[in-house]
Structure formats: structure tokens, C-alpha cells
Amino acid sequence: MADTTVGMSSDLVEAAGMPVGSGEIKPEYDPRLTNEDLAPLRKQTWGSYNIFAFWMSDVHSVGGYVTAGSLFALGLSSWQVLVSLLIGITIVYFFCNLVAKPSQLTGVPYPVICRTVFGVLGANVPAIIRGAIAVAWYGIQTYLASAALDVVVLKLFPALMPYADVDRYGFLGLPLLGWCTYALLWVLQAAVFWTGMETIRKFIDFCGPAVYVVMIVLTGYLIYQAGWGAINLNLGEVSYTGLSAVPVMLGAIALVVSYFSGPMLNFGDFSRYGRSFRAVKRGNLLGLPV
């Protein structure tokens, strides 16, 4: 019976995204409040590059591009959008360092740190709320990625175009092709998450630079196809100049901070792996403002 209980506990820990035995449970810990996922890590191995790659993967995503592109819809010019992005990301950098420090020093995740503010039982409330938000955001990101995959699939296989028609093969506002690509990406992401944080780290370490390479190649291709004369950095009509643009830029800054609020709030779940707070700060600096 004891062996069965240990086996089930190990499975739960692995399912939570941690390799078995990563947390060090001391005898004085209350067993009702501790498991190997919540206990302080035995080893903290992430360096600046790992944190840097994490932000590279997060910033350069479909959601990130949609958020940045939507700022032009506010009537701002390209330089106003750039300034808003830089200020917003600098604010995120500052707060990420604040969130990172307690988790990095103690090696525990966000839900445990919340106990110092909300109490042992009260910490369940923000933990559940952030879990619900994570589920919703997982669906949003997967949908955005599936929409991009739809474009690629239709480009390679034009015969599938009828299945992209929501009026002919639609269900709950999504065509059959959209459901297929959504399900595919949902499963692929879940497969990566299920294998644990170490696999996620390796995946991010590869994908972070890869995103930059693909972005540079695509930029060069678009410039080659369109020509320099067709490039316009203002994606929308510029409606505000001078001091009248300040309130709108403040709104844009707030939107940028809001976009990063998810990873910013949960950043302790990643900073706990940092080998030092200095390494985490350096990774944040390279991955955010720089």
C-alpha cells in the first residue's frame, strides 16, 4: 500500500511539471502543506541565457505581435508605439525582478510565496485564479497559433480550402480545419508540458533563438518581395501628435503591461530555478528592455 501511495505521489509530481525529487522536503515541514512540487528545490541551475530565452519565446509570439500591432489602431505613430513599448516593458522588467527575488532566494514557486501575504489557506484563492487564467490563456495562444498554421496548411494544400469555410464545415464558430489544427497544437503543447520543466527549459532554449532567426529571414524575404519603397512603419492612421498623444500613449503602456501581467505574476515559478538573483536580473534585462 505504501509503495502504491508513493507511486501515485510521484505521478502527480511529474504531472505538475516537475521531475520527481526536485523539491527537498524536510522533516519539520507539515505534510498537509508540502509536496515535492512546492518544497524548495535541491538544485537551482538556470543561468541568464535560460531566462533570456524564456522571454524571447514569450515576446516573439503570435499574441505578442497581435498586441504590438494593435497599438497602431490607437492612432499612434511608429515612434510613439516604440516609446510606449519600451516604457511598458521597462515597467515589466522592474516588477519581474521584484516577483523573482523571493522565489529565487527560497527556491519555491508562486503559490508558496503567496502564503506570506494571503496566509496558508488564503493563498489557495490567487492560486486558483491564476490557474483559471492560465487555462484560458492556453486556449487563446493555441487558437492564435492554429490560425497561423491554417494559413500555412492552405498555402501548401489549397484543396483543403472548403474545410476552412465556417459556413460549410463549421462548429461553434470554427471551421473543421481550424478544429484540426487547434487539436493538433493543443496535444503537441501538452506533450511538452507533461514531460516536465527540464524539457520545457530545453525547448525554450532552442526556440528562443530559433524565433529570432525565422523572424530575420522572413523580414528579409518580405523586403525582397515588396521592395524598400513599399515599407511603411506606420500601420494605421496617425491621429495624435504632440501633447495630445500622451494620454493615448499611457493607455498603450498599460496595454503592454497588461499583456505581460500573466508571466510577470507567475515569474516566480521560473525564477526559482535561477542559480542566482544576479543571473535572473541579467536574463530579464537582456530579454525585456534590451
Protein backbone atom coordinates (compact mmCIF):
# COMPACT_ATOMS: atom_id res chain seq x y z
CA MET A 1 0.00 0.00 0.00
CA ALA A 2 2.83 2.36 0.88
CA ASP A 3 4.56 1.64 -2.45
CA THR A 4 1.33 2.40 -4.29
CA THR A 5 0.94 5.71 -2.48
CA VAL A 6 4.49 6.73 -3.27
CA GLY A 7 3.99 5.82 -6.92
CA MET A 8 0.80 7.86 -7.16
CA SER A 9 2.53 10.80 -5.48
CA SER A 10 5.39 10.61 -7.96
CA ASP A 11 2.96 10.57 -10.87
CA LEU A 12 1.23 13.67 -9.54
CA VAL A 13 4.52 15.49 -9.13
CA GLU A 14 5.55 14.62 -12.67
CA ALA A 15 2.16 15.72 -13.96
CA ALA A 16 2.64 19.05 -12.21
CA GLY A 17 5.69 19.69 -14.37
CA MET A 18 8.49 18.75 -12.02
CA PRO A 19 10.83 15.76 -12.09
CA VAL A 20 10.41 13.53 -9.07
CA GLY A 21 12.61 14.54 -6.16
CA SER A 22 13.26 18.14 -7.28
CA GLY A 23 11.91 19.55 -4.05
CA GLU A 24 13.63 18.89 -0.74
CA ILE A 25 11.08 18.01 1.93
CA LYS A 26 12.50 18.46 5.42
CA PRO A 27 11.16 16.52 8.42
CA GLU A 28 9.79 19.66 10.07
CA TYR A 29 7.56 20.51 7.09
CA ASP A 30 3.82 19.96 7.55
CA PRO A 31 2.90 17.09 5.18
CA ARG A 32 -0.51 18.68 4.57
CA LEU A 33 1.14 21.78 3.12
CA THR A 34 4.13 20.29 1.35
CA ASN A 35 4.90 18.10 -1.61
CA GLU A 36 7.91 17.75 -3.88
CA ASP A 37 6.47 20.34 -6.25
CA LEU A 38 6.08 23.03 -3.58
CA ALA A 39 9.18 22.31 -1.49
CA PRO A 40 12.41 24.28 -2.05
CA LEU A 41 14.48 22.99 -4.96
CA ARG A 42 17.55 20.90 -4.28
CA LYS A 43 19.36 22.45 -7.25
CA GLN A 44 18.93 25.79 -8.99
CA THR A 45 20.66 25.57 -12.34
CA TRP A 46 19.16 28.18 -14.67
CA GLY A 47 21.51 30.88 -15.89
CA SER A 48 20.96 34.21 -17.60
CA TYR A 49 20.60 32.60 -21.01
CA ASN A 50 17.74 30.38 -19.84
CA ILE A 51 15.81 33.40 -18.57
CA PHE A 52 16.70 35.34 -21.72
CA ALA A 53 15.43 32.51 -23.93
CA PHE A 54 12.24 32.35 -21.88
CA TRP A 55 11.47 35.99 -22.69
CA MET A 56 12.49 35.55 -26.32
CA SER A 57 9.90 32.80 -26.68
CA ASP A 58 7.25 34.79 -24.84
CA VAL A 59 7.71 38.15 -26.57
CA HIS A 60 8.07 36.87 -30.12
CA SER A 61 4.79 35.03 -30.35
CA VAL A 62 1.55 35.48 -32.24
CA GLY A 63 -0.03 37.01 -29.14
CA GLY A 64 2.87 39.42 -28.74
CA TYR A 65 2.71 40.54 -32.35
CA VAL A 66 -1.06 40.99 -32.19
CA THR A 67 -0.70 43.12 -29.06
CA ALA A 68 2.06 45.26 -30.56
CA GLY A 69 0.20 45.65 -33.84
CA SER A 70 -3.00 46.66 -32.08
CA LEU A 71 -1.25 49.70 -30.61
CA PHE A 72 -1.28 51.28 -34.06
CA ALA A 73 -5.07 51.07 -34.01
CA LEU A 74 -5.00 53.64 -31.22
CA GLY A 75 -3.86 56.24 -33.75
CA LEU A 76 -0.21 56.34 -32.70
CA SER A 77 2.77 56.72 -34.99
CA SER A 78 5.59 54.19 -35.15
CA TRP A 79 7.90 56.11 -32.81
CA GLN A 80 5.09 56.63 -30.31
CA VAL A 81 4.36 52.90 -30.33
CA LEU A 82 8.07 52.16 -29.89
CA VAL A 83 8.34 54.51 -26.90
CA SER A 84 5.20 53.02 -25.36
CA LEU A 85 6.59 49.52 -25.79
CA LEU A 86 9.94 50.43 -24.25
CA ILE A 87 8.37 52.14 -21.24
CA GLY A 88 5.86 49.34 -20.72
CA ILE A 89 8.49 46.62 -20.99
CA THR A 90 10.78 48.52 -18.60
CA ILE A 91 7.96 48.58 -16.05
CA VAL A 92 7.51 44.84 -16.56
CA TYR A 93 11.26 44.34 -16.09
CA PHE A 94 11.16 46.20 -12.77
CA PHE A 95 8.22 44.21 -11.39
CA CYS A 96 9.56 40.89 -12.68
CA ASN A 97 12.70 41.46 -10.65
CA LEU A 98 10.56 42.13 -7.57
CA VAL A 99 8.50 38.99 -8.14
CA ALA A 100 11.59 36.92 -8.92
CA LYS A 101 13.62 37.61 -5.80
CA PRO A 102 11.67 35.73 -3.09
CA SER A 103 11.22 32.64 -5.28
CA GLN A 104 14.85 32.63 -6.36
CA LEU A 105 16.14 33.02 -2.81
CA THR A 106 13.90 30.30 -1.39
CA GLY A 107 13.52 28.02 -4.41
CA VAL A 108 9.74 27.82 -4.05
CA PRO A 109 7.00 28.64 -6.59
CA TYR A 110 4.42 31.41 -6.69
CA PRO A 111 1.70 29.62 -4.63
CA VAL A 112 4.07 29.18 -1.69
CA ILE A 113 5.23 32.80 -1.78
CA CYS A 114 1.56 33.84 -1.71
CA ARG A 115 1.24 32.24 1.72
CA THR A 116 3.31 35.05 3.22
CA VAL A 117 0.66 37.56 2.16
CA PHE A 118 -2.63 35.67 1.97
CA GLY A 119 -1.99 33.04 4.62
CA VAL A 120 -1.80 29.30 4.19
CA LEU A 121 -5.45 28.82 3.27
CA GLY A 122 -5.96 32.21 1.66
CA ALA A 123 -3.14 31.51 -0.80
CA ASN A 124 -5.41 28.98 -2.47
CA VAL A 125 -7.54 31.83 -3.82
CA PRO A 126 -4.87 33.54 -6.00
CA ALA A 127 -3.50 30.12 -6.93
CA ILE A 128 -6.90 29.01 -8.26
CA ILE A 129 -7.47 32.34 -10.02
CA ARG A 130 -4.12 32.21 -11.77
CA GLY A 131 -4.82 28.59 -12.71
CA ALA A 132 -8.11 29.56 -14.34
CA ILE A 133 -6.41 32.41 -16.20
CA ALA A 134 -3.68 30.03 -17.34
CA VAL A 135 -6.27 27.64 -18.78
CA ALA A 136 -7.93 30.48 -20.70
CA TRP A 137 -4.60 31.86 -21.93
CA TYR A 138 -3.55 28.39 -23.02
CA GLY A 139 -6.64 28.25 -25.20
CA ILE A 140 -6.08 31.75 -26.60
CA GLN A 141 -2.45 31.11 -27.50
CA THR A 142 -3.33 27.76 -29.03
CA TYR A 143 -6.06 29.34 -31.14
CA LEU A 144 -3.75 32.08 -32.40
CA ALA A 145 -1.10 29.51 -33.29
CA SER A 146 -3.68 27.30 -35.02
CA ALA A 147 -4.87 30.27 -37.10
CA ALA A 148 -1.29 30.80 -38.29
CA LEU A 149 -0.97 27.09 -39.02
CA ASP A 150 -4.21 27.24 -41.04
CA VAL A 151 -2.61 29.79 -43.36
CA VAL A 152 0.42 27.55 -43.91
CA VAL A 153 -1.70 24.44 -44.48
CA LEU A 154 -3.93 26.19 -47.02
CA LYS A 155 -0.88 27.55 -48.81
CA LEU A 156 0.58 24.06 -49.14
CA PHE A 157 -2.71 22.23 -49.72
CA PRO A 158 -5.22 24.54 -51.47
CA ALA A 159 -7.63 21.62 -51.90
CA LEU A 160 -8.43 21.91 -48.18
CA MET A 161 -9.92 25.37 -48.69
CA PRO A 162 -13.55 24.16 -48.41
CA TYR A 163 -12.82 22.79 -44.93
CA ALA A 164 -11.72 26.26 -43.85
CA ASP A 165 -15.19 27.62 -44.64
CA VAL A 166 -17.03 28.02 -41.35
CA ASP A 167 -20.39 28.17 -43.12
CA ARG A 168 -19.93 24.76 -44.75
CA TYR A 169 -17.90 22.86 -42.18
CA GLY A 170 -18.21 24.99 -39.08
CA PHE A 171 -18.91 24.25 -35.44
CA LEU A 172 -19.06 26.84 -32.65
CA GLY A 173 -17.61 29.47 -34.97
CA LEU A 174 -14.58 27.45 -36.03
CA PRO A 175 -14.22 25.53 -39.32
CA LEU A 176 -13.22 21.89 -39.47
CA LEU A 177 -9.67 22.74 -40.50
CA GLY A 178 -9.41 25.14 -37.57
CA TRP A 179 -10.56 22.47 -35.13
CA CYS A 180 -8.00 20.01 -36.51
CA THR A 181 -5.06 22.41 -36.25
CA TYR A 182 -6.23 23.57 -32.82
CA ALA A 183 -6.41 19.99 -31.53
CA LEU A 184 -3.01 19.18 -33.04
CA LEU A 185 -1.27 22.11 -31.38
CA TRP A 186 -3.12 21.51 -28.11
CA VAL A 187 -1.78 17.95 -27.98
CA LEU A 188 1.76 18.93 -29.02
CA GLN A 189 1.97 21.61 -26.34
CA ALA A 190 0.53 19.30 -23.70
CA ALA A 191 3.10 16.66 -24.65
CA VAL A 192 5.92 19.13 -23.98
CA PHE A 193 4.42 20.31 -20.69
CA TRP A 194 3.75 16.80 -19.46
CA THR A 195 7.40 15.77 -19.68
CA GLY A 196 8.43 18.31 -17.04
CA MET A 197 10.24 21.57 -16.55
CA GLU A 198 13.61 20.32 -17.78
CA THR A 199 12.12 19.50 -21.18
CA ILE A 200 10.40 22.88 -21.24
CA ARG A 201 13.74 24.56 -20.50
CA LYS A 202 15.47 22.75 -23.35
CA PHE A 203 12.57 23.53 -25.67
CA ILE A 204 12.69 27.23 -24.77
CA ASP A 205 16.48 27.35 -25.09
CA PHE A 206 16.16 26.13 -28.66
CA CYS A 207 13.02 28.00 -29.70
CA GLY A 208 14.09 31.38 -28.31
CA PRO A 209 16.96 31.92 -30.78
CA ALA A 210 15.10 30.00 -33.50
CA VAL A 211 12.27 32.54 -33.39
CA TYR A 212 14.76 35.34 -33.98
CA VAL A 213 16.35 33.51 -36.91
CA VAL A 214 12.99 32.85 -38.56
CA MET A 215 11.89 36.44 -37.92
CA ILE A 216 15.02 37.86 -39.56
CA VAL A 217 14.72 35.52 -42.54
CA LEU A 218 11.05 36.37 -43.06
CA THR A 219 11.78 40.08 -42.75
CA GLY A 220 14.45 39.81 -45.41
CA TYR A 221 12.12 37.82 -47.65
CA LEU A 222 9.29 40.36 -47.30
CA ILE A 223 11.62 43.27 -48.05
CA TYR A 224 12.96 41.42 -51.07
CA GLN A 225 9.46 40.73 -52.38
CA ALA A 226 7.93 44.14 -51.64
CA GLY A 227 10.94 46.41 -52.06
CA TRP A 228 12.11 49.14 -49.72
CA GLY A 229 9.69 51.64 -51.20
CA ALA A 230 6.68 49.63 -50.04
CA ILE A 231 7.73 49.68 -46.39
CA ASN A 232 5.74 51.97 -44.10
CA LEU A 233 6.38 51.85 -40.37
CA ASN A 234 3.01 53.41 -39.62
CA LEU A 235 0.48 50.59 -39.77
CA GLY A 236 -2.52 52.83 -39.21
CA GLU A 237 -3.69 56.40 -39.49
CA VAL A 238 -1.78 58.72 -37.16
CA SER A 239 -4.37 60.65 -35.16
CA TYR A 240 -2.33 62.13 -32.31
CA THR A 241 0.68 64.40 -32.21
CA GLY A 242 2.34 66.45 -29.51
CA LEU A 243 0.84 66.50 -26.03
CA SER A 244 -2.46 65.09 -27.27
CA ALA A 245 -0.68 61.76 -27.79
CA VAL A 246 0.41 61.46 -24.14
CA PRO A 247 -2.88 60.06 -22.72
CA VAL A 248 -3.13 57.60 -25.60
CA MET A 249 0.48 56.51 -25.08
CA LEU A 250 -0.26 55.97 -21.39
CA GLY A 251 -3.09 53.67 -22.45
CA ALA A 252 -0.72 51.85 -24.79
CA ILE A 253 1.79 51.44 -21.96
CA ALA A 254 -0.96 49.99 -19.78
CA LEU A 255 -1.85 47.53 -22.55
CA VAL A 256 1.76 46.38 -22.78
CA VAL A 257 1.97 45.84 -19.03
CA SER A 258 -1.37 44.02 -19.10
CA TYR A 259 -0.14 41.67 -21.81
CA PHE A 260 2.85 40.70 -19.68
CA SER A 261 0.84 40.50 -16.46
CA GLY A 262 0.45 36.72 -16.73
CA PRO A 263 4.12 35.74 -16.93
CA MET A 264 5.02 38.66 -14.65
CA LEU A 265 2.71 37.43 -11.89
CA ASN A 266 3.89 33.84 -12.24
CA PHE A 267 7.53 34.64 -12.87
CA GLY A 268 8.49 33.14 -9.53
CA ASP A 269 7.67 29.73 -10.99
CA PHE A 270 10.63 30.24 -13.34
CA SER A 271 12.98 32.41 -11.28
CA ARG A 272 13.07 29.71 -8.59
CA TYR A 273 15.31 27.74 -10.95
CA GLY A 274 17.84 30.60 -11.24
CA ARG A 275 21.26 29.83 -9.82
CA SER A 276 21.49 33.41 -8.52
CA PHE A 277 19.35 36.52 -8.41
CA ARG A 278 22.01 38.33 -10.41
CA ALA A 279 21.66 35.79 -13.21
CA VAL A 280 17.88 36.22 -13.20
CA LYS A 281 18.15 40.01 -13.37
CA ARG A 282 20.64 39.81 -16.22
CA GLY A 283 18.36 37.45 -18.13
CA ASN A 284 15.42 39.80 -17.56
CA LEU A 285 17.46 42.75 -18.77
CA LEU A 286 18.53 41.00 -21.97
CA GLY A 287 15.12 39.50 -22.64
CA LEU A 288 12.93 42.53 -21.90
CA PRO A 289 14.26 46.10 -22.37
CA VAL A 290 17.30 45.11 -24.45
